Amino acid sequence: MDDERLPKRLFYGDVATGARRQGSQKLRYKETLKKWLKQLQINPATWEDLAQDRPAWRRSVDTGSAIYEADRIATAKAKRAARKSPAPRTNTFDAQALPTC
């Protein structure tokens, strides 16, 4: 088989220039569910038992989502404050006492 066929040339050209799409594997449903349960501070091992009691489940989801949202907003505010704060000034000369007359 010819090594100069079109797909091989395209692939190796993309690898050399770094133009290939970056990313990871797609998450399965269970992996996504586990990730969100952890973000809501619900134990992934016992969430099914908690879901049997509907009022307790709703309470835990509501409190977990409120905590997550508050943390997300605080993080965003801190990032924005760091981005908007002026850069610290650096003096390019040594600070020396001025002579007095």
PDB file of N, CA and C in Angstrom:
ATOM      1  N   MET A   1       0.837  -1.183   0.000  1.00  0.00           N
ATOM      2  CA  MET A   1       0.000   0.000   0.000  1.00  0.00           C
ATOM      3  C   MET A   1       0.881   1.245   0.000  1.00  0.00           C
ATOM      4  N   ASP A   2       0.449   2.234  -0.725  1.00  0.00           N
ATOM      5  CA  ASP A   2       1.226   3.454  -0.892  1.00  0.00           C
ATOM      6  C   ASP A   2       1.199   4.297   0.391  1.00  0.00           C
ATOM      7  N   ASP A   3       2.383   4.700   0.860  1.00  0.00           N
ATOM      8  CA  ASP A   3       2.462   5.512   2.071  1.00  0.00           C
ATOM      9  C   ASP A   3       2.102   6.969   1.828  1.00  0.00           C
ATOM     10  N   GLU A   4       1.969   7.358   0.581  1.00  0.00           N
ATOM     11  CA  GLU A   4       1.681   8.749   0.266  1.00  0.00           C
ATOM     12  C   GLU A   4       0.206   8.983  -0.039  1.00  0.00           C
ATOM     13  N   ARG A   5      -0.654   8.100   0.412  1.00  0.00           N
ATOM     14  CA  ARG A   5      -2.074   8.315   0.128  1.00  0.00           C
ATOM     15  C   ARG A   5      -2.591   9.508   0.933  1.00  0.00           C
ATOM     16  N   LEU A   6      -3.673  10.074   0.495  1.00  0.00           N
ATOM     17  CA  LEU A   6      -4.166  11.344   1.022  1.00  0.00           C
ATOM     18  C   LEU A   6      -4.450  11.350   2.527  1.00  0.00           C
ATOM     19  N   PRO A   7      -5.198  10.387   3.096  1.00  0.00           N
ATOM     20  CA  PRO A   7      -5.476  10.470   4.538  1.00  0.00           C
ATOM     21  C   PRO A   7      -4.223  10.472   5.403  1.00  0.00           C
ATOM     22  N   LYS A   8      -3.222   9.681   5.020  1.00  0.00           N
ATOM     23  CA  LYS A   8      -1.997   9.626   5.812  1.00  0.00           C
ATOM     24  C   LYS A   8      -1.262  10.960   5.745  1.00  0.00           C
ATOM     25  N   ARG A   9      -1.221  11.566   4.575  1.00  0.00           N
ATOM     26  CA  ARG A   9      -0.550  12.861   4.448  1.00  0.00           C
ATOM     27  C   ARG A   9      -1.282  13.925   5.269  1.00  0.00           C
ATOM     28  N   LEU A  10      -2.611  13.890   5.238  1.00  0.00           N
ATOM     29  CA  LEU A  10      -3.377  14.856   6.027  1.00  0.00           C
ATOM     30  C   LEU A  10      -3.148  14.663   7.519  1.00  0.00           C
ATOM     31  N   PHE A  11      -3.173  13.410   7.970  1.00  0.00           N
ATOM     32  CA  PHE A  11      -2.992  13.123   9.389  1.00  0.00           C
ATOM     33  C   PHE A  11      -1.628  13.584   9.872  1.00  0.00           C
ATOM     34  N   TYR A  12      -0.584  13.200   9.174  1.00  0.00           N
ATOM     35  CA  TYR A  12       0.746  13.570   9.628  1.00  0.00           C
ATOM     36  C   TYR A  12       0.995  15.066   9.468  1.00  0.00           C
ATOM     37  N   GLY A  13       0.347  15.695   8.512  1.00  0.00           N
ATOM     38  CA  GLY A  13       0.455  17.145   8.392  1.00  0.00           C
ATOM     39  C   GLY A  13      -0.194  17.838   9.573  1.00  0.00           C
ATOM     40  N   ASP A  14      -1.363  17.329  10.013  1.00  0.00           N
ATOM     41  CA  ASP A  14      -2.046  17.914  11.167  1.00  0.00           C
ATOM     42  C   ASP A  14      -1.252  17.701  12.445  1.00  0.00           C
ATOM     43  N   VAL A  15      -0.635  16.544  12.579  1.00  0.00           N
ATOM     44  CA  VAL A  15       0.161  16.274  13.777  1.00  0.00           C
ATOM     45  C   VAL A  15       1.365  17.200  13.827  1.00  0.00           C
ATOM     46  N   ALA A  16       1.984  17.426  12.690  1.00  0.00           N
ATOM     47  CA  ALA A  16       3.166  18.278  12.652  1.00  0.00           C
ATOM     48  C   ALA A  16       2.819  19.730  12.974  1.00  0.00           C
ATOM     49  N   THR A  17       1.660  20.195  12.505  1.00  0.00           N
ATOM     50  CA  THR A  17       1.298  21.595  12.739  1.00  0.00           C
ATOM     51  C   THR A  17       0.480  21.792  14.000  1.00  0.00           C
ATOM     52  N   GLY A  18       0.028  20.714  14.628  1.00  0.00           N
ATOM     53  CA  GLY A  18      -0.766  20.825  15.843  1.00  0.00           C
ATOM     54  C   GLY A  18      -2.179  21.303  15.583  1.00  0.00           C
ATOM     55  N   ALA A  19      -2.736  20.981  14.429  1.00  0.00           N
ATOM     56  CA  ALA A  19      -4.057  21.483  14.058  1.00  0.00           C
ATOM     57  C   ALA A  19      -5.173  20.504  14.381  1.00  0.00           C
ATOM     58  N   ARG A  20      -4.859  19.364  14.951  1.00  0.00           N
ATOM     59  CA  ARG A  20      -5.906  18.397  15.265  1.00  0.00           C
ATOM     60  C   ARG A  20      -6.741  18.885  16.429  1.00  0.00           C
ATOM     61  N   ARG A  21      -7.995  18.466  16.467  1.00  0.00           N
ATOM     62  CA  ARG A  21      -8.918  18.862  17.526  1.00  0.00           C
ATOM     63  C   ARG A  21      -8.484  18.230  18.846  1.00  0.00           C
ATOM     64  N   GLN A  22      -8.468  19.026  19.889  1.00  0.00           N
ATOM     65  CA  GLN A  22      -8.090  18.542  21.212  1.00  0.00           C
ATOM     66  C   GLN A  22      -9.340  18.137  21.971  1.00  0.00           C
ATOM     67  N   GLY A  23      -9.202  17.219  22.886  1.00  0.00           N
ATOM     68  CA  GLY A  23     -10.341  16.833  23.698  1.00  0.00           C
ATOM     69  C   GLY A  23     -10.109  15.492  24.349  1.00  0.00           C
ATOM     70  N   SER A  24     -11.085  15.061  25.095  1.00  0.00           N
ATOM     71  CA  SER A  24     -10.970  13.779  25.786  1.00  0.00           C
ATOM     72  C   SER A  24     -12.110  12.880  25.346  1.00  0.00           C
ATOM     73  N   GLN A  25     -12.168  11.717  25.941  1.00  0.00           N
ATOM     74  CA  GLN A  25     -13.228  10.779  25.612  1.00  0.00           C
ATOM     75  C   GLN A  25     -14.563  11.317  26.091  1.00  0.00           C
ATOM     76  N   LYS A  26     -15.630  10.863  25.443  1.00  0.00           N
ATOM     77  CA  LYS A  26     -16.962  11.274  25.863  1.00  0.00           C
ATOM     78  C   LYS A  26     -17.322  10.546  27.149  1.00  0.00           C
ATOM     79  N   LEU A  27     -17.988  11.259  28.052  1.00  0.00           N
ATOM     80  CA  LEU A  27     -18.371  10.674  29.327  1.00  0.00           C
ATOM     81  C   LEU A  27     -19.649   9.860  29.178  1.00  0.00           C
ATOM     82  N   ARG A  28     -19.699   8.756  29.883  1.00  0.00           N
ATOM     83  CA  ARG A  28     -20.922   7.961  29.915  1.00  0.00           C
ATOM     84  C   ARG A  28     -21.914   8.617  30.868  1.00  0.00           C
ATOM     85  N   TYR A  29     -23.158   8.134  30.820  1.00  0.00           N
ATOM     86  CA  TYR A  29     -24.214   8.695  31.666  1.00  0.00           C
ATOM     87  C   TYR A  29     -23.854   8.563  33.145  1.00  0.00           C
ATOM     88  N   LYS A  30     -23.352   7.388  33.546  1.00  0.00           N
ATOM     89  CA  LYS A  30     -23.033   7.172  34.965  1.00  0.00           C
ATOM     90  C   LYS A  30     -21.900   8.084  35.421  1.00  0.00           C
ATOM     91  N   GLU A  31     -20.927   8.320  34.558  1.00  0.00           N
ATOM     92  CA  GLU A  31     -19.821   9.191  34.932  1.00  0.00           C
ATOM     93  C   GLU A  31     -20.301  10.635  35.103  1.00  0.00           C
ATOM     94  N   THR A  32     -21.188  11.061  34.214  1.00  0.00           N
ATOM     95  CA  THR A  32     -21.736  12.412  34.314  1.00  0.00           C
ATOM     96  C   THR A  32     -22.587  12.556  35.570  1.00  0.00           C
ATOM     97  N   LEU A  33     -23.403  11.544  35.844  1.00  0.00           N
ATOM     98  CA  LEU A  33     -24.243  11.566  37.039  1.00  0.00           C
ATOM     99  C   LEU A  33     -23.390  11.639  38.303  1.00  0.00           C
ATOM    100  N   LYS A  34     -22.329  10.845  38.350  1.00  0.00           N
ATOM    101  CA  LYS A  34     -21.450  10.831  39.522  1.00  0.00           C
ATOM    102  C   LYS A  34     -20.770  12.190  39.711  1.00  0.00           C
ATOM    103  N   LYS A  35     -20.357  12.803  38.606  1.00  0.00           N
ATOM    104  CA  LYS A  35     -19.701  14.108  38.681  1.00  0.00           C
ATOM    105  C   LYS A  35     -20.650  15.160  39.257  1.00  0.00           C
ATOM    106  N   TRP A  36     -21.907  15.168  38.787  1.00  0.00           N
ATOM    107  CA  TRP A  36     -22.864  16.156  39.274  1.00  0.00           C
ATOM    108  C   TRP A  36     -23.275  15.883  40.711  1.00  0.00           C
ATOM    109  N   LEU A  37     -23.380  14.612  41.092  1.00  0.00           N
ATOM    110  CA  LEU A  37     -23.703  14.305  42.485  1.00  0.00           C
ATOM    111  C   LEU A  37     -22.607  14.807  43.417  1.00  0.00           C
ATOM    112  N   LYS A  38     -21.356  14.656  43.006  1.00  0.00           N
ATOM    113  CA  LYS A  38     -20.247  15.149  43.825  1.00  0.00           C
ATOM    114  C   LYS A  38     -20.288  16.668  43.934  1.00  0.00           C
ATOM    115  N   GLN A  39     -20.651  17.341  42.833  1.00  0.00           N
ATOM    116  CA  GLN A  39     -20.730  18.798  42.877  1.00  0.00           C
ATOM    117  C   GLN A  39     -21.862  19.270  43.782  1.00  0.00           C
ATOM    118  N   LEU A  40     -22.920  18.467  43.895  1.00  0.00           N
ATOM    119  CA  LEU A  40     -24.031  18.810  44.781  1.00  0.00           C
ATOM    120  C   LEU A  40     -23.822  18.292  46.201  1.00  0.00           C
ATOM    121  N   GLN A  41     -22.652  17.743  46.476  1.00  0.00           N
ATOM    122  CA  GLN A  41     -22.272  17.214  47.785  1.00  0.00           C
ATOM    123  C   GLN A  41     -23.218  16.107  48.241  1.00  0.00           C
ATOM    124  N   ILE A  42     -23.571  15.213  47.304  1.00  0.00           N
ATOM    125  CA  ILE A  42     -24.383  14.039  47.595  1.00  0.00           C
ATOM    126  C   ILE A  42     -23.487  12.825  47.393  1.00  0.00           C
ATOM    127  N   ASN A  43     -23.514  11.902  48.330  1.00  0.00           N
ATOM    128  CA  ASN A  43     -22.675  10.713  48.254  1.00  0.00           C
ATOM    129  C   ASN A  43     -23.124   9.848  47.068  1.00  0.00           C
ATOM    130  N   PRO A  44     -22.249   9.622  46.068  1.00  0.00           N
ATOM    131  CA  PRO A  44     -22.645   8.832  44.905  1.00  0.00           C
ATOM    132  C   PRO A  44     -22.962   7.371  45.232  1.00  0.00           C
ATOM    133  N   ALA A  45     -22.455   6.867  46.349  1.00  0.00           N
ATOM    134  CA  ALA A  45     -22.701   5.465  46.698  1.00  0.00           C
ATOM    135  C   ALA A  45     -24.105   5.259  47.266  1.00  0.00           C
ATOM    136  N   THR A  46     -24.659   6.280  47.900  1.00  0.00           N
ATOM    137  CA  THR A  46     -25.955   6.113  48.573  1.00  0.00           C
ATOM    138  C   THR A  46     -27.043   7.020  48.015  1.00  0.00           C
ATOM    139  N   TRP A  47     -26.861   7.554  46.829  1.00  0.00           N
ATOM    140  CA  TRP A  47     -27.843   8.497  46.302  1.00  0.00           C
ATOM    141  C   TRP A  47     -29.175   7.828  45.988  1.00  0.00           C
ATOM    142  N   GLU A  48     -29.158   6.549  45.625  1.00  0.00           N
ATOM    143  CA  GLU A  48     -30.410   5.860  45.298  1.00  0.00           C
ATOM    144  C   GLU A  48     -31.296   5.723  46.536  1.00  0.00           C
ATOM    145  N   ASP A  49     -30.678   5.438  47.689  1.00  0.00           N
ATOM    146  CA  ASP A  49     -31.451   5.354  48.928  1.00  0.00           C
ATOM    147  C   ASP A  49     -32.034   6.719  49.295  1.00  0.00           C
ATOM    148  N   LEU A  50     -31.256   7.755  49.081  1.00  0.00           N
ATOM    149  CA  LEU A  50     -31.730   9.101  49.376  1.00  0.00           C
ATOM    150  C   LEU A  50     -32.868   9.499  48.433  1.00  0.00           C
ATOM    151  N   ALA A  51     -32.802   9.044  47.189  1.00  0.00           N
ATOM    152  CA  ALA A  51     -33.831   9.401  46.206  1.00  0.00           C
ATOM    153  C   ALA A  51     -35.167   8.722  46.497  1.00  0.00           C
ATOM    154  N   GLN A  52     -35.168   7.652  47.287  1.00  0.00           N
ATOM    155  CA  GLN A  52     -36.426   6.987  47.640  1.00  0.00           C
ATOM    156  C   GLN A  52     -37.307   7.889  48.496  1.00  0.00           C
ATOM    157  N   ASP A  53     -36.674   8.696  49.343  1.00  0.00           N
ATOM    158  CA  ASP A  53     -37.406   9.645  50.185  1.00  0.00           C
ATOM    159  C   ASP A  53     -37.428  10.989  49.450  1.00  0.00           C
ATOM    160  N   ARG A  54     -38.524  11.246  48.763  1.00  0.00           N
ATOM    161  CA  ARG A  54     -38.609  12.405  47.871  1.00  0.00           C
ATOM    162  C   ARG A  54     -38.355  13.744  48.568  1.00  0.00           C
ATOM    163  N   PRO A  55     -38.963  14.041  49.716  1.00  0.00           N
ATOM    164  CA  PRO A  55     -38.685  15.340  50.363  1.00  0.00           C
ATOM    165  C   PRO A  55     -37.216  15.498  50.773  1.00  0.00           C
ATOM    166  N   ALA A  56     -36.616  14.427  51.283  1.00  0.00           N
ATOM    167  CA  ALA A  56     -35.204  14.510  51.675  1.00  0.00           C
ATOM    168  C   ALA A  56     -34.320  14.704  50.443  1.00  0.00           C
ATOM    169  N   TRP A  57     -34.664  14.043  49.349  1.00  0.00           N
ATOM    170  CA  TRP A  57     -33.906  14.172  48.099  1.00  0.00           C
ATOM    171  C   TRP A  57     -33.968  15.615  47.595  1.00  0.00           C
ATOM    172  N   ARG A  58     -35.173  16.182  47.593  1.00  0.00           N
ATOM    173  CA  ARG A  58     -35.329  17.558  47.115  1.00  0.00           C
ATOM    174  C   ARG A  58     -34.570  18.540  47.997  1.00  0.00           C
ATOM    175  N   ARG A  59     -34.609  18.309  49.322  1.00  0.00           N
ATOM    176  CA  ARG A  59     -33.869  19.170  50.248  1.00  0.00           C
ATOM    177  C   ARG A  59     -32.375  19.100  49.975  1.00  0.00           C
ATOM    178  N   SER A  60     -31.851  17.887  49.814  1.00  0.00           N
ATOM    179  CA  SER A  60     -30.409  17.741  49.609  1.00  0.00           C
ATOM    180  C   SER A  60     -29.978  18.331  48.267  1.00  0.00           C
ATOM    181  N   VAL A  61     -30.799  18.170  47.233  1.00  0.00           N
ATOM    182  CA  VAL A  61     -30.468  18.757  45.929  1.00  0.00           C
ATOM    183  C   VAL A  61     -30.528  20.278  46.005  1.00  0.00           C
ATOM    184  N   ASP A  62     -31.539  20.814  46.676  1.00  0.00           N
ATOM    185  CA  ASP A  62     -31.666  22.267  46.794  1.00  0.00           C
ATOM    186  C   ASP A  62     -30.502  22.872  47.571  1.00  0.00           C
ATOM    187  N   THR A  63     -30.147  22.270  48.708  1.00  0.00           N
ATOM    188  CA  THR A  63     -29.034  22.820  49.492  1.00  0.00           C
ATOM    189  C   THR A  63     -27.713  22.652  48.752  1.00  0.00           C
ATOM    190  N   GLY A  64     -27.522  21.503  48.122  1.00  0.00           N
ATOM    191  CA  GLY A  64     -26.287  21.277  47.365  1.00  0.00           C
ATOM    192  C   GLY A  64     -26.143  22.240  46.207  1.00  0.00           C
ATOM    193  N   SER A  65     -27.248  22.495  45.502  1.00  0.00           N
ATOM    194  CA  SER A  65     -27.173  23.418  44.367  1.00  0.00           C
ATOM    195  C   SER A  65     -26.961  24.853  44.839  1.00  0.00           C
ATOM    196  N   ALA A  66     -27.533  25.215  45.980  1.00  0.00           N
ATOM    197  CA  ALA A  66     -27.320  26.563  46.518  1.00  0.00           C
ATOM    198  C   ALA A  66     -25.855  26.758  46.904  1.00  0.00           C
ATOM    199  N   ILE A  67     -25.258  25.753  47.534  1.00  0.00           N
ATOM    200  CA  ILE A  67     -23.844  25.834  47.916  1.00  0.00           C
ATOM    201  C   ILE A  67     -22.961  25.904  46.676  1.00  0.00           C
ATOM    202  N   TYR A  68     -23.263  25.059  45.697  1.00  0.00           N
ATOM    203  CA  TYR A  68     -22.477  25.040  44.456  1.00  0.00           C
ATOM    204  C   TYR A  68     -22.565  26.388  43.743  1.00  0.00           C
ATOM    205  N   GLU A  69     -23.764  26.938  43.660  1.00  0.00           N
ATOM    206  CA  GLU A  69     -23.957  28.215  42.970  1.00  0.00           C
ATOM    207  C   GLU A  69     -23.253  29.347  43.709  1.00  0.00           C
ATOM    208  N   ALA A  70     -23.307  29.350  45.029  1.00  0.00           N
ATOM    209  CA  ALA A  70     -22.617  30.385  45.805  1.00  0.00           C
ATOM    210  C   ALA A  70     -21.105  30.295  45.604  1.00  0.00           C
ATOM    211  N   ASP A  71     -20.562  29.077  45.604  1.00  0.00           N
ATOM    212  CA  ASP A  71     -19.127  28.900  45.365  1.00  0.00           C
ATOM    213  C   ASP A  71     -18.742  29.350  43.960  1.00  0.00           C
ATOM    214  N   ARG A  72     -19.597  29.028  42.986  1.00  0.00           N
ATOM    215  CA  ARG A  72     -19.315  29.401  41.602  1.00  0.00           C
ATOM    216  C   ARG A  72     -19.298  30.920  41.447  1.00  0.00           C
ATOM    217  N   ILE A  73     -20.255  31.594  42.065  1.00  0.00           N
ATOM    218  CA  ILE A  73     -20.323  33.055  41.980  1.00  0.00           C
ATOM    219  C   ILE A  73     -19.133  33.693  42.691  1.00  0.00           C
ATOM    220  N   ALA A  74     -18.763  33.160  43.859  1.00  0.00           N
ATOM    221  CA  ALA A  74     -17.616  33.708  44.597  1.00  0.00           C
ATOM    222  C   ALA A  74     -16.326  33.532  43.803  1.00  0.00           C
ATOM    223  N   THR A  75     -16.168  32.385  43.165  1.00  0.00           N
ATOM    224  CA  THR A  75     -14.979  32.145  42.349  1.00  0.00           C
ATOM    225  C   THR A  75     -14.941  33.098  41.165  1.00  0.00           C
ATOM    226  N   ALA A  76     -16.081  33.297  40.522  1.00  0.00           N
ATOM    227  CA  ALA A  76     -16.142  34.210  39.379  1.00  0.00           C
ATOM    228  C   ALA A  76     -15.825  35.641  39.798  1.00  0.00           C
ATOM    229  N   LYS A  77     -16.333  36.065  40.962  1.00  0.00           N
ATOM    230  CA  LYS A  77     -16.048  37.416  41.452  1.00  0.00           C
ATOM    231  C   LYS A  77     -14.569  37.585  41.768  1.00  0.00           C
ATOM    232  N   ALA A  78     -13.968  36.563  42.370  1.00  0.00           N
ATOM    233  CA  ALA A  78     -12.539  36.640  42.693  1.00  0.00           C
ATOM    234  C   ALA A  78     -11.699  36.711  41.419  1.00  0.00           C
ATOM    235  N   LYS A  79     -12.066  35.924  40.420  1.00  0.00           N
ATOM    236  CA  LYS A  79     -11.336  35.962  39.151  1.00  0.00           C
ATOM    237  C   LYS A  79     -11.471  37.327  38.494  1.00  0.00           C
ATOM    238  N   ARG A  80     -12.675  37.881  38.530  1.00  0.00           N
ATOM    239  CA  ARG A  80     -12.906  39.183  37.910  1.00  0.00           C
ATOM    240  C   ARG A  80     -12.137  40.271  38.648  1.00  0.00           C
ATOM    241  N   ALA A  81     -12.130  40.207  39.978  1.00  0.00           N
ATOM    242  CA  ALA A  81     -11.397  41.205  40.760  1.00  0.00           C
ATOM    243  C   ALA A  81      -9.902  41.125  40.467  1.00  0.00           C
ATOM    244  N   ALA A  82      -9.395  39.914  40.335  1.00  0.00           N
ATOM    245  CA  ALA A  82      -7.971  39.758  40.027  1.00  0.00           C
ATOM    246  C   ALA A  82      -7.662  40.285  38.630  1.00  0.00           C
ATOM    247  N   ARG A  83      -8.591  40.093  37.721  1.00  0.00           N
ATOM    248  CA  ARG A  83      -8.377  40.540  36.349  1.00  0.00           C
ATOM    249  C   ARG A  83      -8.496  42.057  36.236  1.00  0.00           C
ATOM    250  N   LYS A  84      -9.409  42.654  37.006  1.00  0.00           N
ATOM    251  CA  LYS A  84      -9.658  44.092  36.912  1.00  0.00           C
ATOM    252  C   LYS A  84      -8.723  44.930  37.773  1.00  0.00           C
ATOM    253  N   SER A  85      -8.046  44.316  38.728  1.00  0.00           N
ATOM    254  CA  SER A  85      -7.167  45.097  39.602  1.00  0.00           C
ATOM    255  C   SER A  85      -5.967  45.584  38.791  1.00  0.00           C
ATOM    256  N   PRO A  86      -5.516  46.795  39.097  1.00  0.00           N
ATOM    257  CA  PRO A  86      -4.371  47.312  38.343  1.00  0.00           C
ATOM    258  C   PRO A  86      -3.110  46.512  38.656  1.00  0.00           C
ATOM    259  N   ALA A  87      -2.255  46.462  37.688  1.00  0.00           N
ATOM    260  CA  ALA A  87      -1.003  45.729  37.864  1.00  0.00           C
ATOM    261  C   ALA A  87      -0.143  46.451  38.897  1.00  0.00           C
ATOM    262  N   PRO A  88       0.563  45.718  39.732  1.00  0.00           N
ATOM    263  CA  PRO A  88       1.409  46.379  40.731  1.00  0.00           C
ATOM    264  C   PRO A  88       2.532  47.150  40.044  1.00  0.00           C
ATOM    265  N   ARG A  89       2.772  48.349  40.557  1.00  0.00           N
ATOM    266  CA  ARG A  89       3.815  49.185  39.961  1.00  0.00           C
ATOM    267  C   ARG A  89       5.184  48.728  40.441  1.00  0.00           C
ATOM    268  N   THR A  90       6.097  48.722  39.530  1.00  0.00           N
ATOM    269  CA  THR A  90       7.474  48.392  39.888  1.00  0.00           C
ATOM    270  C   THR A  90       8.333  49.605  39.565  1.00  0.00           C
ATOM    271  N   ASN A  91       9.117  50.000  40.528  1.00  0.00           N
ATOM    272  CA  ASN A  91      10.005  51.140  40.322  1.00  0.00           C
ATOM    273  C   ASN A  91      11.237  50.677  39.568  1.00  0.00           C
ATOM    274  N   THR A  92      11.623  51.483  38.584  1.00  0.00           N
ATOM    275  CA  THR A  92      12.801  51.129  37.806  1.00  0.00           C
ATOM    276  C   THR A  92      14.063  51.776  38.360  1.00  0.00           C
ATOM    277  N   PHE A  93      13.917  52.586  39.374  1.00  0.00           N
ATOM    278  CA  PHE A  93      15.081  53.218  39.973  1.00  0.00           C
ATOM    279  C   PHE A  93      15.092  52.933  41.465  1.00  0.00           C
ATOM    280  N   ASP A  94      16.251  53.037  42.051  1.00  0.00           N
ATOM    281  CA  ASP A  94      16.382  52.815  43.489  1.00  0.00           C
ATOM    282  C   ASP A  94      15.884  54.056  44.229  1.00  0.00           C
ATOM    283  N   ALA A  95      15.104  53.823  45.248  1.00  0.00           N
ATOM    284  CA  ALA A  95      14.588  54.941  46.046  1.00  0.00           C
ATOM    285  C   ALA A  95      15.701  55.440  46.967  1.00  0.00           C
ATOM    286  N   GLN A  96      16.149  56.670  46.721  1.00  0.00           N
ATOM    287  CA  GLN A  96      17.187  57.270  47.553  1.00  0.00           C
ATOM    288  C   GLN A  96      16.635  58.568  48.142  1.00  0.00           C
ATOM    289  N   ALA A  97      17.118  58.878  49.309  1.00  0.00           N
ATOM    290  CA  ALA A  97      16.686  60.117  49.955  1.00  0.00           C
ATOM    291  C   ALA A  97      17.227  61.309  49.175  1.00  0.00           C
ATOM    292  N   LEU A  98      16.356  62.287  48.969  1.00  0.00           N
ATOM    293  CA  LEU A  98      16.784  63.484  48.252  1.00  0.00           C
ATOM    294  C   LEU A  98      17.616  64.364  49.186  1.00  0.00           C
ATOM    295  N   PRO A  99      18.628  65.006  48.655  1.00  0.00           N
ATOM    296  CA  PRO A  99      19.440  65.891  49.506  1.00  0.00           C
ATOM    297  C   PRO A  99      18.639  67.132  49.900  1.00  0.00           C
ATOM    298  N   THR A 100      18.820  67.565  51.134  1.00  0.00           N
ATOM    299  CA  THR A 100      18.122  68.758  51.618  1.00  0.00           C
ATOM    300  C   THR A 100      19.066  69.946  51.576  1.00  0.00           C
ATOM    301  N   CYS A 101      18.510  71.109  51.345  1.00  0.00           N
ATOM    302  CA  CYS A 101      19.331  72.317  51.254  1.00  0.00           C
ATOM    303  C   CYS A 101      19.482  72.988  52.578  1.00  0.00           C
TER     304      CYS A 101
END
